[in-house]
Amino acid sequence: MRKIPQTDSVSEMAHFWDAHDLTEFEDELEEVTTPVFGRSGRTVLRVTLPPDEAEAIHHAARKRGIKDSELAREWLNEKLRAS
């Protein structure tokens, strides 16, 4: 049985619930009193890449089973820690 995704992405949750019925997950539901979605103190940084570089990131991320943005963030953090 699938689990409800743990994500901050409204679009990912919308996609998930478009494909699933709430009654499938009644045992996982819990009431929350604080906002679930909102700004997390992060800034969006747009990076324009040539198609070959974007495809290389996409391919590497897919091999690891993560999103392109997660891999790019990981690589940027590694570079920042090294400098």
PDB file of N, CA and C in Angstrom:
ATOM      1  N   MET A   1       0.834  -1.180   0.000  1.00  0.00           N
ATOM      2  CA  MET A   1       0.000   0.000   0.000  1.00  0.00           C
ATOM      3  C   MET A   1       0.882   1.249   0.000  1.00  0.00           C
ATOM      4  N   ARG A   2       0.496   2.256  -0.779  1.00  0.00           N
ATOM      5  CA  ARG A   2       1.251   3.504  -0.853  1.00  0.00           C
ATOM      6  C   ARG A   2       1.008   4.360   0.372  1.00  0.00           C
ATOM      7  N   LYS A   3       1.961   5.216   0.636  1.00  0.00           N
ATOM      8  CA  LYS A   3       1.864   6.170   1.733  1.00  0.00           C
ATOM      9  C   LYS A   3       1.603   7.563   1.158  1.00  0.00           C
ATOM     10  N   ILE A   4       1.038   8.430   1.971  1.00  0.00           N
ATOM     11  CA  ILE A   4       0.857   9.814   1.577  1.00  0.00           C
ATOM     12  C   ILE A   4       2.246  10.441   1.482  1.00  0.00           C
ATOM     13  N   PRO A   5       2.554  11.131   0.378  1.00  0.00           N
ATOM     14  CA  PRO A   5       3.891  11.713   0.230  1.00  0.00           C
ATOM     15  C   PRO A   5       4.165  12.783   1.283  1.00  0.00           C
ATOM     16  N   GLN A   6       5.390  12.850   1.727  1.00  0.00           N
ATOM     17  CA  GLN A   6       5.847  13.886   2.653  1.00  0.00           C
ATOM     18  C   GLN A   6       6.540  14.937   1.801  1.00  0.00           C
ATOM     19  N   THR A   7       5.814  15.989   1.440  1.00  0.00           N
ATOM     20  CA  THR A   7       6.352  17.006   0.541  1.00  0.00           C
ATOM     21  C   THR A   7       5.780  18.362   0.878  1.00  0.00           C
ATOM     22  N   ASP A   8       6.518  19.410   0.535  1.00  0.00           N
ATOM     23  CA  ASP A   8       6.034  20.777   0.684  1.00  0.00           C
ATOM     24  C   ASP A   8       5.431  21.296  -0.618  1.00  0.00           C
ATOM     25  N   SER A   9       5.425  20.480  -1.640  1.00  0.00           N
ATOM     26  CA  SER A   9       4.966  20.905  -2.949  1.00  0.00           C
ATOM     27  C   SER A   9       3.451  20.750  -3.080  1.00  0.00           C
ATOM     28  N   VAL A  10       2.778  21.876  -3.272  1.00  0.00           N
ATOM     29  CA  VAL A  10       1.334  21.841  -3.457  1.00  0.00           C
ATOM     30  C   VAL A  10       0.997  21.081  -4.731  1.00  0.00           C
ATOM     31  N   SER A  11       1.781  21.283  -5.790  1.00  0.00           N
ATOM     32  CA  SER A  11       1.482  20.604  -7.054  1.00  0.00           C
ATOM     33  C   SER A  11       1.676  19.091  -6.939  1.00  0.00           C
ATOM     34  N   GLU A  12       2.694  18.637  -6.198  1.00  0.00           N
ATOM     35  CA  GLU A  12       2.882  17.196  -6.002  1.00  0.00           C
ATOM     36  C   GLU A  12       1.717  16.593  -5.227  1.00  0.00           C
ATOM     37  N   MET A  13       1.274  17.303  -4.179  1.00  0.00           N
ATOM     38  CA  MET A  13       0.139  16.799  -3.400  1.00  0.00           C
ATOM     39  C   MET A  13      -1.130  16.785  -4.242  1.00  0.00           C
ATOM     40  N   ALA A  14      -1.332  17.826  -5.052  1.00  0.00           N
ATOM     41  CA  ALA A  14      -2.519  17.867  -5.912  1.00  0.00           C
ATOM     42  C   ALA A  14      -2.502  16.698  -6.886  1.00  0.00           C
ATOM     43  N   HIS A  15      -1.343  16.439  -7.480  1.00  0.00           N
ATOM     44  CA  HIS A  15      -1.221  15.312  -8.412  1.00  0.00           C
ATOM     45  C   HIS A  15      -1.513  13.986  -7.690  1.00  0.00           C
ATOM     46  N   PHE A  16      -0.973  13.835  -6.491  1.00  0.00           N
ATOM     47  CA  PHE A  16      -1.199  12.609  -5.725  1.00  0.00           C
ATOM     48  C   PHE A  16      -2.685  12.411  -5.449  1.00  0.00           C
ATOM     49  N   TRP A  17      -3.354  13.473  -4.957  1.00  0.00           N
ATOM     50  CA  TRP A  17      -4.764  13.326  -4.598  1.00  0.00           C
ATOM     51  C   TRP A  17      -5.668  13.233  -5.819  1.00  0.00           C
ATOM     52  N   ASP A  18      -5.211  13.709  -6.973  1.00  0.00           N
ATOM     53  CA  ASP A  18      -5.972  13.494  -8.207  1.00  0.00           C
ATOM     54  C   ASP A  18      -6.017  12.018  -8.568  1.00  0.00           C
ATOM     55  N   ALA A  19      -4.993  11.283  -8.140  1.00  0.00           N
ATOM     56  CA  ALA A  19      -4.879   9.866  -8.504  1.00  0.00           C
ATOM     57  C   ALA A  19      -5.321   8.921  -7.385  1.00  0.00           C
ATOM     58  N   HIS A  20      -5.641   9.450  -6.199  1.00  0.00           N
ATOM     59  CA  HIS A  20      -5.988   8.598  -5.062  1.00  0.00           C
ATOM     60  C   HIS A  20      -7.248   9.089  -4.370  1.00  0.00           C
ATOM     61  N   ASP A  21      -7.848   8.212  -3.610  1.00  0.00           N
ATOM     62  CA  ASP A  21      -9.043   8.525  -2.838  1.00  0.00           C
ATOM     63  C   ASP A  21      -8.662   8.651  -1.371  1.00  0.00           C
ATOM     64  N   LEU A  22      -9.191   9.660  -0.715  1.00  0.00           N
ATOM     65  CA  LEU A  22      -8.876   9.906   0.688  1.00  0.00           C
ATOM     66  C   LEU A  22      -9.178   8.706   1.573  1.00  0.00           C
ATOM     67  N   THR A  23     -10.205   7.957   1.243  1.00  0.00           N
ATOM     68  CA  THR A  23     -10.577   6.811   2.076  1.00  0.00           C
ATOM     69  C   THR A  23      -9.519   5.714   2.068  1.00  0.00           C
ATOM     70  N   GLU A  24      -8.610   5.733   1.101  1.00  0.00           N
ATOM     71  CA  GLU A  24      -7.530   4.746   1.059  1.00  0.00           C
ATOM     72  C   GLU A  24      -6.502   4.986   2.171  1.00  0.00           C
ATOM     73  N   PHE A  25      -6.522   6.189   2.771  1.00  0.00           N
ATOM     74  CA  PHE A  25      -5.474   6.589   3.701  1.00  0.00           C
ATOM     75  C   PHE A  25      -6.028   7.059   5.043  1.00  0.00           C
ATOM     76  N   GLU A  26      -7.227   6.649   5.392  1.00  0.00           N
ATOM     77  CA  GLU A  26      -7.847   7.109   6.634  1.00  0.00           C
ATOM     78  C   GLU A  26      -6.986   6.829   7.865  1.00  0.00           C
ATOM     79  N   ASP A  27      -6.267   5.719   7.861  1.00  0.00           N
ATOM     80  CA  ASP A  27      -5.442   5.379   9.019  1.00  0.00           C
ATOM     81  C   ASP A  27      -4.205   6.266   9.142  1.00  0.00           C
ATOM     82  N   GLU A  28      -3.850   7.024   8.100  1.00  0.00           N
ATOM     83  CA  GLU A  28      -2.688   7.906   8.127  1.00  0.00           C
ATOM     84  C   GLU A  28      -3.043   9.362   8.418  1.00  0.00           C
ATOM     85  N   LEU A  29      -4.324   9.699   8.393  1.00  0.00           N
ATOM     86  CA  LEU A  29      -4.731  11.089   8.528  1.00  0.00           C
ATOM     87  C   LEU A  29      -4.662  11.552   9.972  1.00  0.00           C
ATOM     88  N   GLU A  30      -4.277  12.818  10.135  1.00  0.00           N
ATOM     89  CA  GLU A  30      -4.274  13.419  11.453  1.00  0.00           C
ATOM     90  C   GLU A  30      -4.613  14.894  11.296  1.00  0.00           C
ATOM     91  N   GLU A  31      -5.270  15.453  12.278  1.00  0.00           N
ATOM     92  CA  GLU A  31      -5.635  16.858  12.235  1.00  0.00           C
ATOM     93  C   GLU A  31      -4.437  17.706  12.632  1.00  0.00           C
ATOM     94  N   VAL A  32      -4.221  18.782  11.880  1.00  0.00           N
ATOM     95  CA  VAL A  32      -3.143  19.710  12.202  1.00  0.00           C
ATOM     96  C   VAL A  32      -3.726  21.098  12.408  1.00  0.00           C
ATOM     97  N   THR A  33      -3.116  21.866  13.289  1.00  0.00           N
ATOM     98  CA  THR A  33      -3.624  23.203  13.582  1.00  0.00           C
ATOM     99  C   THR A  33      -2.731  24.307  13.022  1.00  0.00           C
ATOM    100  N   THR A  34      -1.538  23.941  12.544  1.00  0.00           N
ATOM    101  CA  THR A  34      -0.631  24.928  11.969  1.00  0.00           C
ATOM    102  C   THR A  34      -0.625  24.775  10.455  1.00  0.00           C
ATOM    103  N   PRO A  35      -0.289  25.849   9.736  1.00  0.00           N
ATOM    104  CA  PRO A  35      -0.261  25.753   8.275  1.00  0.00           C
ATOM    105  C   PRO A  35       0.709  24.668   7.805  1.00  0.00           C
ATOM    106  N   VAL A  36       0.283  23.918   6.812  1.00  0.00           N
ATOM    107  CA  VAL A  36       1.115  22.853   6.254  1.00  0.00           C
ATOM    108  C   VAL A  36       1.933  23.391   5.091  1.00  0.00           C
ATOM    109  N   PHE A  37       1.321  24.212   4.282  1.00  0.00           N
ATOM    110  CA  PHE A  37       2.014  24.764   3.117  1.00  0.00           C
ATOM    111  C   PHE A  37       2.265  26.246   3.350  1.00  0.00           C
ATOM    112  N   GLY A  38       3.422  26.673   2.991  1.00  0.00           N
ATOM    113  CA  GLY A  38       3.764  28.077   3.135  1.00  0.00           C
ATOM    114  C   GLY A  38       5.215  28.283   2.815  1.00  0.00           C
ATOM    115  N   ARG A  39       5.632  29.488   2.938  1.00  0.00           N
ATOM    116  CA  ARG A  39       7.036  29.798   2.663  1.00  0.00           C
ATOM    117  C   ARG A  39       7.908  29.202   3.755  1.00  0.00           C
ATOM    118  N   SER A  40       8.966  28.559   3.357  1.00  0.00           N
ATOM    119  CA  SER A  40       9.840  27.878   4.312  1.00  0.00           C
ATOM    120  C   SER A  40      11.139  28.641   4.533  1.00  0.00           C
ATOM    121  N   GLY A  41      11.141  29.931   4.236  1.00  0.00           N
ATOM    122  CA  GLY A  41      12.361  30.711   4.408  1.00  0.00           C
ATOM    123  C   GLY A  41      13.365  30.456   3.300  1.00  0.00           C
ATOM    124  N   ARG A  42      12.905  29.906   2.212  1.00  0.00           N
ATOM    125  CA  ARG A  42      13.798  29.618   1.086  1.00  0.00           C
ATOM    126  C   ARG A  42      13.571  30.628  -0.021  1.00  0.00           C
ATOM    127  N   THR A  43      14.581  30.821  -0.821  1.00  0.00           N
ATOM    128  CA  THR A  43      14.504  31.701  -1.973  1.00  0.00           C
ATOM    129  C   THR A  43      14.641  30.855  -3.228  1.00  0.00           C
ATOM    130  N   VAL A  44      13.791  31.124  -4.187  1.00  0.00           N
ATOM    131  CA  VAL A  44      13.877  30.422  -5.467  1.00  0.00           C
ATOM    132  C   VAL A  44      14.929  31.111  -6.309  1.00  0.00           C
ATOM    133  N   LEU A  45      15.837  30.328  -6.847  1.00  0.00           N
ATOM    134  CA  LEU A  45      16.900  30.833  -7.703  1.00  0.00           C
ATOM    135  C   LEU A  45      16.726  30.190  -9.068  1.00  0.00           C
ATOM    136  N   ARG A  46      16.509  30.995 -10.066  1.00  0.00           N
ATOM    137  CA  ARG A  46      16.328  30.468 -11.413  1.00  0.00           C
ATOM    138  C   ARG A  46      17.677  30.416 -12.119  1.00  0.00           C
ATOM    139  N   VAL A  47      18.002  29.260 -12.645  1.00  0.00           N
ATOM    140  CA  VAL A  47      19.269  29.062 -13.350  1.00  0.00           C
ATOM    141  C   VAL A  47      18.956  28.605 -14.768  1.00  0.00           C
ATOM    142  N   THR A  48      19.479  29.319 -15.748  1.00  0.00           N
ATOM    143  CA  THR A  48      19.273  28.958 -17.149  1.00  0.00           C
ATOM    144  C   THR A  48      20.474  28.141 -17.617  1.00  0.00           C
ATOM    145  N   LEU A  49      20.180  26.959 -18.156  1.00  0.00           N
ATOM    146  CA  LEU A  49      21.235  26.045 -18.611  1.00  0.00           C
ATOM    147  C   LEU A  49      21.058  25.728 -20.088  1.00  0.00           C
ATOM    148  N   PRO A  50      22.163  25.442 -20.757  1.00  0.00           N
ATOM    149  CA  PRO A  50      22.048  24.925 -22.122  1.00  0.00           C
ATOM    150  C   PRO A  50      21.356  23.556 -22.073  1.00  0.00           C
ATOM    151  N   PRO A  51      20.674  23.167 -23.138  1.00  0.00           N
ATOM    152  CA  PRO A  51      19.931  21.900 -23.144  1.00  0.00           C
ATOM    153  C   PRO A  51      20.765  20.681 -22.752  1.00  0.00           C
ATOM    154  N   ASP A  52      22.023  20.618 -23.179  1.00  0.00           N
ATOM    155  CA  ASP A  52      22.833  19.445 -22.859  1.00  0.00           C
ATOM    156  C   ASP A  52      23.137  19.362 -21.362  1.00  0.00           C
ATOM    157  N   GLU A  53      23.356  20.512 -20.711  1.00  0.00           N
ATOM    158  CA  GLU A  53      23.608  20.500 -19.271  1.00  0.00           C
ATOM    159  C   GLU A  53      22.340  20.150 -18.494  1.00  0.00           C
ATOM    160  N   ALA A  54      21.206  20.676 -18.919  1.00  0.00           N
ATOM    161  CA  ALA A  54      19.930  20.355 -18.270  1.00  0.00           C
ATOM    162  C   ALA A  54      19.626  18.869 -18.406  1.00  0.00           C
ATOM    163  N   GLU A  55      19.897  18.311 -19.572  1.00  0.00           N
ATOM    164  CA  GLU A  55      19.649  16.881 -19.792  1.00  0.00           C
ATOM    165  C   GLU A  55      20.588  16.030 -18.948  1.00  0.00           C
ATOM    166  N   ALA A  56      21.835  16.464 -18.791  1.00  0.00           N
ATOM    167  CA  ALA A  56      22.793  15.719 -17.964  1.00  0.00           C
ATOM    168  C   ALA A  56      22.330  15.695 -16.506  1.00  0.00           C
ATOM    169  N   ILE A  57      21.835  16.826 -16.005  1.00  0.00           N
ATOM    170  CA  ILE A  57      21.313  16.863 -14.634  1.00  0.00           C
ATOM    171  C   ILE A  57      20.078  15.976 -14.518  1.00  0.00           C
ATOM    172  N   HIS A  58      19.196  16.063 -15.498  1.00  0.00           N
ATOM    173  CA  HIS A  58      17.984  15.241 -15.473  1.00  0.00           C
ATOM    174  C   HIS A  58      18.329  13.751 -15.458  1.00  0.00           C
ATOM    175  N   HIS A  59      19.265  13.356 -16.293  1.00  0.00           N
ATOM    176  CA  HIS A  59      19.656  11.943 -16.374  1.00  0.00           C
ATOM    177  C   HIS A  59      20.281  11.471 -15.055  1.00  0.00           C
ATOM    178  N   ALA A  60      21.174  12.285 -14.493  1.00  0.00           N
ATOM    179  CA  ALA A  60      21.827  11.915 -13.228  1.00  0.00           C
ATOM    180  C   ALA A  60      20.811  11.845 -12.090  1.00  0.00           C
ATOM    181  N   ALA A  61      19.873  12.772 -12.065  1.00  0.00           N
ATOM    182  CA  ALA A  61      18.849  12.775 -11.010  1.00  0.00           C
ATOM    183  C   ALA A  61      17.940  11.555 -11.148  1.00  0.00           C
ATOM    184  N   ARG A  62      17.564  11.239 -12.366  1.00  0.00           N
ATOM    185  CA  ARG A  62      16.683  10.082 -12.602  1.00  0.00           C
ATOM    186  C   ARG A  62      17.367   8.793 -12.161  1.00  0.00           C
ATOM    187  N   LYS A  63      18.666   8.674 -12.408  1.00  0.00           N
ATOM    188  CA  LYS A  63      19.408   7.478 -11.979  1.00  0.00           C
ATOM    189  C   LYS A  63      19.391   7.336 -10.466  1.00  0.00           C
ATOM    190  N   ARG A  64      19.364   8.463  -9.747  1.00  0.00           N
ATOM    191  CA  ARG A  64      19.355   8.439  -8.289  1.00  0.00           C
ATOM    192  C   ARG A  64      17.950   8.436  -7.707  1.00  0.00           C
ATOM    193  N   GLY A  65      16.953   8.579  -8.574  1.00  0.00           N
ATOM    194  CA  GLY A  65      15.575   8.557  -8.108  1.00  0.00           C
ATOM    195  C   GLY A  65      15.146   9.822  -7.390  1.00  0.00           C
ATOM    196  N   ILE A  66      15.754  10.957  -7.749  1.00  0.00           N
ATOM    197  CA  ILE A  66      15.384  12.227  -7.134  1.00  0.00           C
ATOM    198  C   ILE A  66      15.048  13.240  -8.214  1.00  0.00           C
ATOM    199  N   LYS A  67      14.482  14.367  -7.789  1.00  0.00           N
ATOM    200  CA  LYS A  67      14.141  15.426  -8.738  1.00  0.00           C
ATOM    201  C   LYS A  67      15.401  16.164  -9.171  1.00  0.00           C
ATOM    202  N   ASP A  68      15.325  16.729 -10.364  1.00  0.00           N
ATOM    203  CA  ASP A  68      16.441  17.516 -10.900  1.00  0.00           C
ATOM    204  C   ASP A  68      16.847  18.612  -9.919  1.00  0.00           C
ATOM    205  N   SER A  69      15.861  19.307  -9.363  1.00  0.00           N
ATOM    206  CA  SER A  69      16.152  20.415  -8.449  1.00  0.00           C
ATOM    207  C   SER A  69      16.845  19.934  -7.177  1.00  0.00           C
ATOM    208  N   GLU A  70      16.491  18.749  -6.701  1.00  0.00           N
ATOM    209  CA  GLU A  70      17.146  18.202  -5.507  1.00  0.00           C
ATOM    210  C   GLU A  70      18.613  17.920  -5.776  1.00  0.00           C
ATOM    211  N   LEU A  71      18.893  17.355  -6.936  1.00  0.00           N
ATOM    212  CA  LEU A  71      20.282  17.056  -7.287  1.00  0.00           C
ATOM    213  C   LEU A  71      21.078  18.349  -7.469  1.00  0.00           C
ATOM    214  N   ALA A  72      20.500  19.321  -8.155  1.00  0.00           N
ATOM    215  CA  ALA A  72      21.193  20.598  -8.363  1.00  0.00           C
ATOM    216  C   ALA A  72      21.480  21.268  -7.022  1.00  0.00           C
ATOM    217  N   ARG A  73      20.506  21.247  -6.107  1.00  0.00           N
ATOM    218  CA  ARG A  73      20.706  21.835  -4.778  1.00  0.00           C
ATOM    219  C   ARG A  73      21.817  21.106  -4.021  1.00  0.00           C
ATOM    220  N   GLU A  74      21.819  19.776  -4.130  1.00  0.00           N
ATOM    221  CA  GLU A  74      22.864  18.975  -3.468  1.00  0.00           C
ATOM    222  C   GLU A  74      24.239  19.340  -3.999  1.00  0.00           C
ATOM    223  N   TRP A  75      24.372  19.429  -5.322  1.00  0.00           N
ATOM    224  CA  TRP A  75      25.654  19.764  -5.928  1.00  0.00           C
ATOM    225  C   TRP A  75      26.093  21.181  -5.545  1.00  0.00           C
ATOM    226  N   LEU A  76      25.145  22.123  -5.519  1.00  0.00           N
ATOM    227  CA  LEU A  76      25.490  23.481  -5.122  1.00  0.00           C
ATOM    228  C   LEU A  76      25.963  23.526  -3.679  1.00  0.00           C
ATOM    229  N   ASN A  77      25.280  22.799  -2.797  1.00  0.00           N
ATOM    230  CA  ASN A  77      25.699  22.760  -1.405  1.00  0.00           C
ATOM    231  C   ASN A  77      27.083  22.154  -1.236  1.00  0.00           C
ATOM    232  N   GLU A  78      27.382  21.098  -1.996  1.00  0.00           N
ATOM    233  CA  GLU A  78      28.718  20.497  -1.944  1.00  0.00           C
ATOM    234  C   GLU A  78      29.785  21.519  -2.360  1.00  0.00           C
ATOM    235  N   LYS A  79      29.507  22.259  -3.418  1.00  0.00           N
ATOM    236  CA  LYS A  79      30.454  23.267  -3.905  1.00  0.00           C
ATOM    237  C   LYS A  79      30.629  24.379  -2.884  1.00  0.00           C
ATOM    238  N   LEU A  80      29.538  24.816  -2.262  1.00  0.00           N
ATOM    239  CA  LEU A  80      29.623  25.861  -1.245  1.00  0.00           C
ATOM    240  C   LEU A  80      30.410  25.413  -0.021  1.00  0.00           C
ATOM    241  N   ARG A  81      30.210  24.185   0.399  1.00  0.00           N
ATOM    242  CA  ARG A  81      30.960  23.656   1.556  1.00  0.00           C
ATOM    243  C   ARG A  81      32.448  23.536   1.249  1.00  0.00           C
ATOM    244  N   ALA A  82      32.763  23.231   0.009  1.00  0.00           N
ATOM    245  CA  ALA A  82      34.158  23.053  -0.382  1.00  0.00           C
ATOM    246  C   ALA A  82      34.901  24.394  -0.532  1.00  0.00           C
ATOM    247  N   SER A  83      34.158  25.459  -0.722  1.00  0.00           N
ATOM    248  CA  SER A  83      34.841  26.763  -0.960  1.00  0.00           C
ATOM    249  C   SER A  83      35.041  27.556   0.307  1.00  0.00           C
TER     250      SER A  83
END
